[in-house]
Amino acid sequence: MVYPQILTKSTGFIIGPVATLLGYLMNGIFFILDKIGLPNIGLAIIIFTLVIYMCLMPLTIQQQKFSKLQTKMQPELQAIQKKYKGKTDNDSAMKMNEETQAVYKKYGVSPSGSCVQLLIQMPILFALYRVIYNFPAYVTQVKNAFFPLVDNLISQSGASEYLQGTTAAQMFARQFTNENFTNGVTSYVQNTFIDVLNRFSTADWDALSAQFSNLSGDITQTVSQLNIFNNFLGLNIGNSPWFTMKEALSNGSVFGVIAAVMVPALAAITQLINVALMPQPQQQSTGNQQQDSMASSMKMMNYTMPIMSAWFCFTLPAGMGLYWIAGSVIRSVQQVFINKSIDKMDMDAYIEEQRAKQKKKAERRGNKPTVSERMMQNYANMNTKNMEAQKAASSVSDPEKTKQLEKAKQTYQNKNYKPGSLASKANMVRDFNEANNNSNKK
C-alpha cells in the first residue's frame, strides 16, 4: 500500500489542486525575493498571506454584508418562532415554514446565506496552511538546499535507522515501512529524508553532524543555507518557540527568550484584536434554549481559540506562528475598512439589489424552488408526517385498544394461529416443553 508523502504535494480531491496553485504562487514569490537578494521564508509567508487575503476580500465583504442583513432580519424570524412556539400541529408547522421563507424572500437572500462564500474560502485556507507547513514541497530553492546532503546521507550505512529514531521522524514512521521506501525508489526515499530533516531543530542538526562526521561539510552547508532562508528578525522560524526559549535560557540569552515568547503572544493578541473588530451579532434571546446556548458557545469559542493558538505556537515551527500573526494583522486592517464601508451602506438599496438578483436567478431556473427552500419544505413535510403518525397512533381509543388486546389473548389461548407463523412455532416449543416437564415429574 502506498501512503501519502508529506513532502509530496497534497493529492486531495479538493485541497490538492488548490495547494498546487498556491504553491506556484509561493514559489514565484520566493523566486523574486531571491533575485532581489532577500531569499527569506518569513518575508515570503507575509507577502503570500497578504496576496491571498486581498484576493479573498470581496468574499469577506459579501459575507459580512449578509451578516448585517441577517441582523436586520433576526427580529422578524424570532417573532415567527415565538408565534409558533409550542405548536406541533400540521398547520402550524406548514405556516411557520411559509412565513420563514417569506422573510428570506422579502430581503432577497437564501436561507443558506453566506455558505457559498465559506465553501470557497475553506479549501483555500486549508491549502494555504499546507503550503506554508510543507515549504520544501512547493518551493524549489528550499528543497534544493537539502542536496547534496540527502543523496550522500542515503548512501551512508545506518542513516535510515538513525533518522527513524529521531523525534522529528515520529510523524513519518509509516513512510519508512512503505514499499516504495523499502524497494529504494529514489524520489520517495529522498522525499522521506527531506521530510524528516525539514523538521530538525538546531540540536538535531548538531547530533546528526556528530553521528556522521564524514558528512559534516554537507551538513554545515545545508544548515547555513536554511539559516539564511529561516532567519527572520534574528529568529530562526524553523525552530519552535519552545525549543528557542530552552536554548536561550541555557545560553543566558535574554533576547532569545523574549523573541520566543513574542511569537505565541503576538499570535494570540492579534487574533483577539481581529475578533474584537469583527461585527458581533446582537445578543437577544431567541426563545429557543438550544439556539441561545449555541450562540453563547460560539461567542466563547471566538475568544478562547486565540488563547489555544498561542499554546500551539509554542510547539510548532515559528513560521506557522508568523503566518497566524500576519493573517490576523492583515484581516484586522481589512476589517477596519470593511466596517467603515458597511456602516455607510444603504441597507434599503442593498435589499432591493438582492431582491433583483434573486428574481433573475428564479427566472433562470424557471421559478423552481432553490435547494435551501426544498430542504426547508422537506423538513416541514417530514415533521408533518411524524405528527400525523403520532396523531393516528393516539387516535385509537382506550376501549378499542382493550378490544384488540382481548382478541390477541383469545387467539393465543385457542391456539388459532396461521400455519407456519412465528406464533404457531412458538406455541409448538411451549407444548413440547410442557410435555417434557410432565414426563419428568412422572
Protein backbone atom coordinates (compact mmCIF):
# COMPACT_ATOMS: atom_id res chain seq x y z
CA MET A 1 0.00 0.00 0.00
CA VAL A 2 1.30 3.46 -0.89
CA TYR A 3 0.89 6.03 1.87
CA PRO A 4 0.81 9.76 1.03
CA GLN A 5 4.09 11.58 1.49
CA ILE A 6 4.22 14.77 3.49
CA LEU A 7 6.79 16.35 1.17
CA THR A 8 4.88 15.40 -1.95
CA LYS A 9 2.24 17.94 -2.90
CA SER A 10 -1.20 17.26 -1.46
CA THR A 11 -3.20 14.83 -3.63
CA GLY A 12 -6.58 15.51 -2.02
CA PHE A 13 -9.54 15.83 -4.40
CA ILE A 14 -10.15 19.50 -3.49
CA ILE A 15 -7.20 20.61 -1.35
CA GLY A 16 -4.59 19.09 -3.71
CA PRO A 17 -5.25 21.20 -6.82
CA VAL A 18 -5.74 24.37 -4.74
CA ALA A 19 -2.49 23.74 -2.83
CA THR A 20 -0.66 23.19 -6.13
CA LEU A 21 -1.87 26.57 -7.45
CA LEU A 22 -0.94 28.31 -4.21
CA GLY A 23 2.42 26.51 -4.33
CA TYR A 24 3.13 28.09 -7.73
CA LEU A 25 2.36 31.48 -6.18
CA MET A 26 4.65 30.86 -3.19
CA ASN A 27 7.42 29.55 -5.46
CA GLY A 28 7.11 32.66 -7.62
CA ILE A 29 7.25 34.98 -4.60
CA PHE A 30 10.34 33.26 -3.24
CA PHE A 31 11.99 33.31 -6.68
CA ILE A 32 11.50 37.10 -6.92
CA LEU A 33 12.78 37.63 -3.36
CA ASP A 34 15.87 35.59 -4.19
CA LYS A 35 16.50 37.67 -7.32
CA ILE A 36 16.46 40.90 -5.31
CA GLY A 37 18.72 39.39 -2.64
CA LEU A 38 16.06 38.66 0.03
CA PRO A 39 15.53 34.87 -0.07
CA ASN A 40 13.66 34.79 3.24
CA ILE A 41 10.89 32.35 4.16
CA GLY A 42 9.38 34.69 6.77
CA LEU A 43 9.08 37.56 4.29
CA ALA A 44 7.68 35.18 1.66
CA ILE A 45 4.99 34.00 4.15
CA ILE A 46 3.93 37.60 4.88
CA ILE A 47 3.69 38.55 1.18
CA PHE A 48 1.96 35.27 0.36
CA THR A 49 -0.61 35.77 3.14
CA LEU A 50 -1.20 39.38 2.05
CA VAL A 51 -1.88 38.36 -1.57
CA ILE A 52 -4.27 35.56 -0.56
CA TYR A 53 -6.32 37.68 1.84
CA MET A 54 -6.53 40.53 -0.66
CA CYS A 55 -7.92 38.08 -3.21
CA LEU A 56 -10.45 36.81 -0.63
CA MET A 57 -11.51 40.33 0.38
CA PRO A 58 -14.55 40.52 -1.99
CA LEU A 59 -15.89 37.28 -0.49
CA THR A 60 -15.25 38.59 3.02
CA ILE A 61 -17.18 41.80 2.27
CA GLN A 62 -20.08 39.84 0.78
CA GLN A 63 -20.17 37.53 3.78
CA GLN A 64 -20.27 40.41 6.25
CA LYS A 65 -22.93 42.24 4.27
CA PHE A 66 -25.07 39.15 4.66
CA SER A 67 -24.30 39.10 8.40
CA LYS A 68 -25.56 42.67 8.74
CA LEU A 69 -28.63 41.82 6.69
CA GLN A 70 -29.25 38.78 8.88
CA THR A 71 -29.12 41.03 11.96
CA LYS A 72 -31.86 43.14 10.36
CA MET A 73 -33.92 40.00 9.62
CA GLN A 74 -33.46 38.44 13.04
CA PRO A 75 -36.32 40.23 14.87
CA GLU A 76 -38.81 39.04 12.24
CA LEU A 77 -37.51 35.46 12.36
CA GLN A 78 -37.64 35.49 16.16
CA ALA A 79 -41.21 36.79 16.05
CA ILE A 80 -42.21 33.83 13.86
CA GLN A 81 -40.50 31.38 16.23
CA LYS A 82 -42.26 32.97 19.20
CA LYS A 83 -45.61 32.95 17.37
CA TYR A 84 -45.48 29.18 16.78
CA LYS A 85 -43.65 28.19 19.95
CA GLY A 86 -45.17 25.04 21.46
CA LYS A 87 -47.44 24.42 18.44
CA THR A 88 -46.80 20.98 16.99
CA ASP A 89 -49.83 20.53 14.74
CA ASN A 90 -49.52 20.13 10.98
CA ASP A 91 -51.00 23.50 10.01
CA SER A 92 -48.70 25.41 12.38
CA ALA A 93 -45.59 23.67 11.04
CA MET A 94 -46.55 24.47 7.44
CA LYS A 95 -47.43 28.09 8.21
CA MET A 96 -44.19 28.63 10.16
CA ASN A 97 -42.22 27.29 7.21
CA GLU A 98 -44.09 29.52 4.75
CA GLU A 99 -43.67 32.65 6.88
CA THR A 100 -39.94 31.96 7.38
CA GLN A 101 -39.40 31.57 3.63
CA ALA A 102 -41.40 34.76 3.04
CA VAL A 103 -38.98 36.71 5.28
CA TYR A 104 -35.98 35.44 3.33
CA LYS A 105 -37.68 36.35 0.03
CA LYS A 106 -38.54 39.78 1.40
CA TYR A 107 -34.85 40.52 1.95
CA GLY A 108 -33.77 38.77 -1.25
CA VAL A 109 -31.49 36.18 0.34
CA SER A 110 -31.31 32.43 0.59
CA PRO A 111 -31.50 30.57 3.93
CA SER A 112 -28.08 29.14 3.10
CA GLY A 113 -26.81 32.74 3.23
CA SER A 114 -23.04 33.02 3.11
CA CYS A 115 -22.42 29.27 2.82
CA VAL A 116 -21.15 29.70 -0.75
CA GLN A 117 -18.52 32.20 0.39
CA LEU A 118 -17.43 29.88 3.18
CA LEU A 119 -17.27 26.88 0.83
CA ILE A 120 -14.94 28.83 -1.46
CA GLN A 121 -12.74 30.16 1.33
CA MET A 122 -12.28 26.95 3.34
CA PRO A 123 -10.30 24.93 0.74
CA ILE A 124 -8.09 27.98 0.07
CA LEU A 125 -7.28 28.47 3.75
CA PHE A 126 -6.57 24.75 4.30
CA ALA A 127 -4.37 24.64 1.20
CA LEU A 128 -2.58 27.81 2.32
CA TYR A 129 -1.72 26.12 5.62
CA ARG A 130 -0.48 23.07 3.73
CA VAL A 131 1.88 25.12 1.55
CA ILE A 132 3.37 27.03 4.50
CA TYR A 133 3.80 23.95 6.68
CA ASN A 134 5.45 21.93 3.87
CA PHE A 135 7.58 24.62 2.30
CA PRO A 136 10.14 22.38 0.50
CA ALA A 137 7.34 20.54 -1.31
CA TYR A 138 6.29 23.71 -3.11
CA VAL A 139 9.40 25.94 -3.18
CA THR A 140 12.14 24.52 -5.39
CA GLN A 141 15.02 26.54 -3.95
CA VAL A 142 14.27 25.45 -0.40
CA LYS A 143 14.09 21.80 -1.45
CA ASN A 144 17.39 22.10 -3.34
CA ALA A 145 19.08 23.35 -0.16
CA PHE A 146 18.95 19.76 1.17
CA PHE A 147 21.18 18.49 -1.65
CA PRO A 148 23.81 17.02 -1.95
CA LEU A 149 23.40 16.14 1.76
CA VAL A 150 20.35 13.93 1.21
CA ASP A 151 21.94 11.85 -1.56
CA ASN A 152 25.13 11.41 0.44
CA LEU A 153 23.18 10.56 3.58
CA ILE A 154 21.14 7.90 1.76
CA SER A 155 24.36 6.14 0.78
CA GLN A 156 25.54 6.04 4.42
CA SER A 157 25.09 2.76 6.28
CA GLY A 158 22.64 3.13 9.19
CA ALA A 159 21.41 6.59 8.11
CA SER A 160 17.83 5.41 7.60
CA GLU A 161 17.74 3.72 11.02
CA TYR A 162 19.23 6.80 12.65
CA LEU A 163 16.63 9.16 11.15
CA GLN A 164 13.81 6.81 12.17
CA GLY A 165 14.97 7.06 15.76
CA THR A 166 14.76 10.86 15.89
CA THR A 167 11.80 12.74 17.34
CA ALA A 168 11.28 14.55 14.04
CA ALA A 169 10.61 11.22 12.29
CA GLN A 170 7.71 10.13 14.51
CA MET A 171 5.03 11.55 12.23
CA PHE A 172 6.68 9.90 9.19
CA ALA A 173 7.05 6.38 10.63
CA ARG A 174 4.77 4.82 8.00
CA GLN A 175 6.85 6.24 5.17
CA PHE A 176 9.91 4.24 6.31
CA THR A 177 7.91 1.00 6.03
CA ASN A 178 6.31 1.90 2.72
CA GLU A 179 7.12 -0.44 -0.17
CA ASN A 180 8.50 2.48 -2.23
CA PHE A 181 10.99 3.18 0.55
CA THR A 182 11.97 -0.45 1.17
CA ASN A 183 12.33 -1.02 -2.59
CA GLY A 184 14.61 2.00 -2.82
CA VAL A 185 12.54 4.23 -5.12
CA THR A 186 14.93 7.20 -5.31
CA SER A 187 12.42 10.07 -5.29
CA TYR A 188 10.41 8.52 -2.44
CA VAL A 189 13.50 7.94 -0.28
CA GLN A 190 14.76 11.46 -0.97
CA ASN A 191 11.40 12.98 -0.06
CA THR A 192 11.19 10.96 3.14
CA PHE A 193 14.66 12.09 4.22
CA ILE A 194 13.81 15.73 3.45
CA ASP A 195 10.52 15.39 5.36
CA VAL A 196 12.45 14.45 8.48
CA LEU A 197 15.37 16.85 8.02
CA ASN A 198 12.94 19.72 7.40
CA ARG A 199 11.62 19.22 10.96
CA PHE A 200 15.12 19.20 12.51
CA SER A 201 15.95 21.69 15.25
CA THR A 202 19.44 23.08 15.84
CA ALA A 203 20.14 20.30 18.37
CA ASP A 204 19.07 17.65 15.83
CA TRP A 205 21.48 19.02 13.24
CA ASP A 206 24.33 19.02 15.77
CA ALA A 207 23.55 15.40 16.68
CA LEU A 208 23.44 14.40 13.00
CA SER A 209 26.83 16.02 12.40
CA ALA A 210 28.31 14.14 15.37
CA GLN A 211 26.84 10.83 14.17
CA PHE A 212 28.05 11.21 10.55
CA SER A 213 31.18 13.29 10.93
CA ASN A 214 32.31 12.48 7.37
CA LEU A 215 29.27 14.48 6.15
CA SER A 216 29.88 17.47 8.41
CA GLY A 217 30.77 19.63 5.41
CA ASP A 218 27.48 18.86 3.65
CA ILE A 219 25.54 19.31 6.89
CA THR A 220 27.18 22.68 7.56
CA GLN A 221 26.41 23.83 4.02
CA THR A 222 22.74 22.78 4.28
CA VAL A 223 22.25 24.30 7.75
CA SER A 224 23.93 27.52 6.64
CA GLN A 225 21.62 27.84 3.63
CA LEU A 226 18.50 27.00 5.68
CA ASN A 227 19.51 29.56 8.33
CA ILE A 228 19.61 32.24 5.63
CA PHE A 229 16.14 31.21 4.49
CA ASN A 230 14.71 30.89 8.04
CA ASN A 231 16.28 33.90 9.75
CA PHE A 232 13.60 36.49 10.39
CA LEU A 233 14.50 39.46 12.59
CA GLY A 234 17.14 37.37 14.34
CA LEU A 235 14.75 34.44 15.00
CA ASN A 236 15.08 31.04 13.34
CA ILE A 237 11.48 30.39 12.28
CA GLY A 238 12.35 26.77 11.53
CA ASN A 239 12.62 26.13 15.29
CA SER A 240 9.66 26.05 17.65
CA PRO A 241 9.44 28.91 20.20
CA TRP A 242 9.60 26.26 22.97
CA PHE A 243 12.96 24.99 21.67
CA THR A 244 14.23 28.54 21.11
CA MET A 245 13.30 29.53 24.67
CA LYS A 246 15.04 26.49 26.21
CA GLU A 247 18.12 27.11 24.09
CA ALA A 248 18.15 30.81 25.03
CA LEU A 249 17.78 30.01 28.74
CA SER A 250 20.72 27.59 28.59
CA ASN A 251 22.83 30.24 26.83
CA GLY A 252 21.63 33.07 29.08
CA SER A 253 20.24 35.00 26.08
CA VAL A 254 17.51 37.40 27.20
CA PHE A 255 16.77 38.39 23.59
CA GLY A 256 16.21 34.75 22.64
CA VAL A 257 13.70 34.26 25.46
CA ILE A 258 11.80 37.46 24.55
CA ALA A 259 11.76 36.57 20.84
CA ALA A 260 10.48 33.05 21.61
CA VAL A 261 7.67 34.32 23.83
CA MET A 262 6.70 37.14 21.47
CA VAL A 263 5.61 34.82 18.65
CA PRO A 264 2.85 32.98 20.60
CA ALA A 265 1.92 36.16 22.48
CA LEU A 266 1.52 38.20 19.29
CA ALA A 267 -0.40 35.35 17.64
CA ALA A 268 -2.98 35.43 20.48
CA ILE A 269 -3.13 39.25 20.79
CA THR A 270 -3.56 39.92 17.06
CA GLN A 271 -6.28 37.28 16.81
CA LEU A 272 -8.12 38.78 19.79
CA ILE A 273 -7.95 42.20 18.12
CA ASN A 274 -9.30 40.65 14.94
CA VAL A 275 -12.22 39.09 16.84
CA ALA A 276 -12.96 42.43 18.56
CA LEU A 277 -13.12 44.20 15.18
CA MET A 278 -15.49 41.63 13.68
CA PRO A 279 -19.18 42.61 13.69
CA GLN A 280 -20.79 40.89 16.69
CA PRO A 281 -24.40 39.67 16.47
CA GLN A 282 -26.89 41.28 18.83
CA GLN A 283 -27.30 39.18 21.96
CA GLN A 284 -31.06 38.72 22.02
CA SER A 285 -32.87 35.69 23.32
CA THR A 286 -34.48 33.68 20.54
CA GLY A 287 -36.76 31.88 22.93
CA ASN A 288 -35.07 28.66 21.92
CA GLN A 289 -32.82 27.39 24.69
CA GLN A 290 -30.72 25.25 22.34
CA GLN A 291 -30.09 28.13 19.89
CA ASP A 292 -29.25 30.55 22.70
CA SER A 293 -26.80 28.02 24.17
CA MET A 294 -25.11 27.54 20.77
CA ALA A 295 -24.79 31.32 20.29
CA SER A 296 -23.15 31.68 23.71
CA SER A 297 -20.79 28.79 22.97
CA MET A 298 -19.76 30.35 19.64
CA LYS A 299 -19.04 33.67 21.32
CA MET A 300 -16.91 31.98 23.97
CA MET A 301 -15.05 29.97 21.30
CA ASN A 302 -14.18 33.19 19.43
CA TYR A 303 -12.21 34.34 22.47
CA THR A 304 -10.76 31.00 23.61
CA MET A 305 -9.38 29.94 20.20
CA PRO A 306 -6.71 32.73 20.13
CA ILE A 307 -5.50 31.56 23.56
CA MET A 308 -5.32 27.97 22.31
CA SER A 309 -3.40 29.04 19.20
CA ALA A 310 -0.80 30.66 21.45
CA TRP A 311 -0.20 27.26 23.03
CA PHE A 312 0.03 25.57 19.62
CA CYS A 313 2.58 28.20 18.56
CA PHE A 314 4.94 27.06 21.30
CA THR A 315 5.29 23.56 19.81
CA LEU A 316 5.01 24.29 16.06
CA PRO A 317 7.77 25.91 13.98
CA ALA A 318 7.77 29.68 14.48
CA GLY A 319 6.94 30.07 10.78
CA MET A 320 3.38 28.92 11.49
CA GLY A 321 3.08 31.48 14.27
CA LEU A 322 4.35 34.14 11.87
CA TYR A 323 1.63 33.14 9.40
CA TRP A 324 -1.06 33.45 12.10
CA ILE A 325 0.26 36.86 13.12
CA ALA A 326 0.46 38.10 9.52
CA GLY A 327 -3.02 36.77 8.75
CA SER A 328 -4.55 38.39 11.85
CA VAL A 329 -2.90 41.78 11.18
CA ILE A 330 -3.99 41.77 7.53
CA ARG A 331 -7.55 40.74 8.44
CA SER A 332 -7.69 43.42 11.14
CA VAL A 333 -6.62 46.17 8.71
CA GLN A 334 -9.13 44.88 6.18
CA GLN A 335 -11.82 44.78 8.84
CA VAL A 336 -11.35 48.45 9.73
CA PHE A 337 -12.06 49.45 6.12
CA ILE A 338 -14.86 46.90 5.75
CA ASN A 339 -16.58 48.17 8.90
CA LYS A 340 -16.45 51.76 7.62
CA SER A 341 -17.81 50.66 4.25
CA ILE A 342 -20.66 48.61 5.75
CA ASP A 343 -21.59 51.35 8.24
CA LYS A 344 -22.09 53.75 5.32
CA MET A 345 -24.01 51.17 3.29
CA ASP A 346 -27.61 51.93 2.33
CA MET A 347 -29.37 48.79 3.56
CA ASP A 348 -32.62 49.54 1.69
CA ALA A 349 -30.74 49.86 -1.60
CA TYR A 350 -28.79 46.67 -0.83
CA ILE A 351 -32.03 44.78 -0.09
CA GLU A 352 -33.53 45.96 -3.39
CA GLU A 353 -30.35 44.81 -5.16
CA GLN A 354 -30.60 41.38 -3.50
CA ARG A 355 -34.26 41.07 -4.47
CA ALA A 356 -33.42 41.85 -8.10
CA LYS A 357 -30.65 39.23 -8.09
CA GLN A 358 -32.93 36.59 -6.56
CA LYS A 359 -35.63 37.39 -9.10
CA LYS A 360 -33.21 36.90 -12.00
CA LYS A 361 -31.95 33.64 -10.52
CA ALA A 362 -35.53 32.40 -10.07
CA GLU A 363 -36.34 33.26 -13.70
CA ARG A 364 -33.25 31.40 -14.93
CA ARG A 365 -34.27 28.23 -13.10
CA GLY A 366 -37.89 28.54 -14.21
CA ASN A 367 -39.14 29.80 -10.82
CA LYS A 368 -38.43 26.43 -9.29
CA PRO A 369 -37.60 26.39 -5.54
CA THR A 370 -33.94 26.64 -4.54
CA VAL A 371 -32.07 23.81 -2.83
CA SER A 372 -32.39 25.50 0.57
CA GLU A 373 -36.13 26.08 0.02
CA ARG A 374 -36.61 22.42 -0.92
CA MET A 375 -34.69 21.38 2.19
CA MET A 376 -36.91 23.55 4.38
CA GLN A 377 -40.02 22.17 2.66
CA ASN A 378 -38.84 18.57 3.05
CA TYR A 379 -38.11 19.22 6.71
CA ALA A 380 -41.59 20.60 7.20
CA ASN A 381 -43.12 17.65 5.36
CA MET A 382 -41.11 15.22 7.47
CA ASN A 383 -42.39 16.88 10.65
CA THR A 384 -45.90 16.77 9.24
CA LYS A 385 -45.67 13.01 8.57
CA ASN A 386 -44.31 12.40 12.07
CA MET A 387 -47.12 14.40 13.62
CA GLU A 388 -49.74 12.60 11.50
CA ALA A 389 -48.32 9.22 12.53
CA GLN A 390 -48.40 10.24 16.20
CA LYS A 391 -51.92 11.57 15.78
CA ALA A 392 -53.07 8.33 14.14
CA ALA A 393 -51.49 6.27 16.90
CA SER A 394 -53.07 8.39 19.61
CA SER A 395 -56.48 8.40 17.88
CA VAL A 396 -57.13 4.78 18.87
CA SER A 397 -59.42 4.99 21.90
CA ASP A 398 -58.84 3.02 25.08
CA PRO A 399 -61.88 0.73 24.52
CA GLU A 400 -60.56 -0.15 21.05
CA LYS A 401 -57.10 -0.93 22.48
CA THR A 402 -58.72 -3.15 25.15
CA LYS A 403 -60.72 -4.94 22.47
CA GLN A 404 -57.60 -5.56 20.36
CA LEU A 405 -55.69 -6.94 23.36
CA GLU A 406 -58.58 -9.24 24.28
CA LYS A 407 -58.71 -10.58 20.72
CA ALA A 408 -54.98 -11.30 20.75
CA LYS A 409 -55.30 -13.06 24.09
CA GLN A 410 -58.12 -15.32 22.85
CA THR A 411 -56.17 -16.17 19.71
CA TYR A 412 -53.23 -17.24 21.86
CA GLN A 413 -55.38 -19.29 24.26
CA ASN A 414 -57.38 -21.01 21.48
CA LYS A 415 -54.22 -21.71 19.52
CA ASN A 416 -55.81 -20.18 16.43
CA TYR A 417 -52.58 -19.50 14.56
CA LYS A 418 -51.82 -19.41 10.90
CA PRO A 419 -49.80 -22.48 9.82
CA GLY A 420 -46.11 -21.67 9.64
CA SER A 421 -46.44 -18.37 11.52
CA LEU A 422 -44.00 -17.31 14.22
CA ALA A 423 -46.75 -17.62 16.83
CA SER A 424 -47.52 -21.23 15.82
CA LYS A 425 -43.86 -22.19 16.06
CA ALA A 426 -43.55 -20.56 19.45
CA ASN A 427 -46.61 -22.48 20.62
CA MET A 428 -45.08 -25.80 19.44
CA VAL A 429 -41.99 -25.09 21.51
CA ARG A 430 -44.16 -24.28 24.52
CA ASP A 431 -46.19 -27.53 24.14
CA PHE A 432 -43.00 -29.56 23.82
CA ASN A 433 -41.54 -28.03 26.99
CA GLU A 434 -44.75 -28.64 28.94
CA ALA A 435 -44.91 -32.29 27.80
CA ASN A 436 -41.27 -32.80 28.69
CA ASN A 437 -41.78 -31.31 32.14
CA ASN A 438 -44.80 -33.57 32.79
CA SER A 439 -42.89 -36.74 31.83
CA ASN A 440 -40.06 -35.77 34.18
CA LYS A 441 -42.50 -35.35 37.05
CA LYS A 442 -43.86 -38.89 36.49
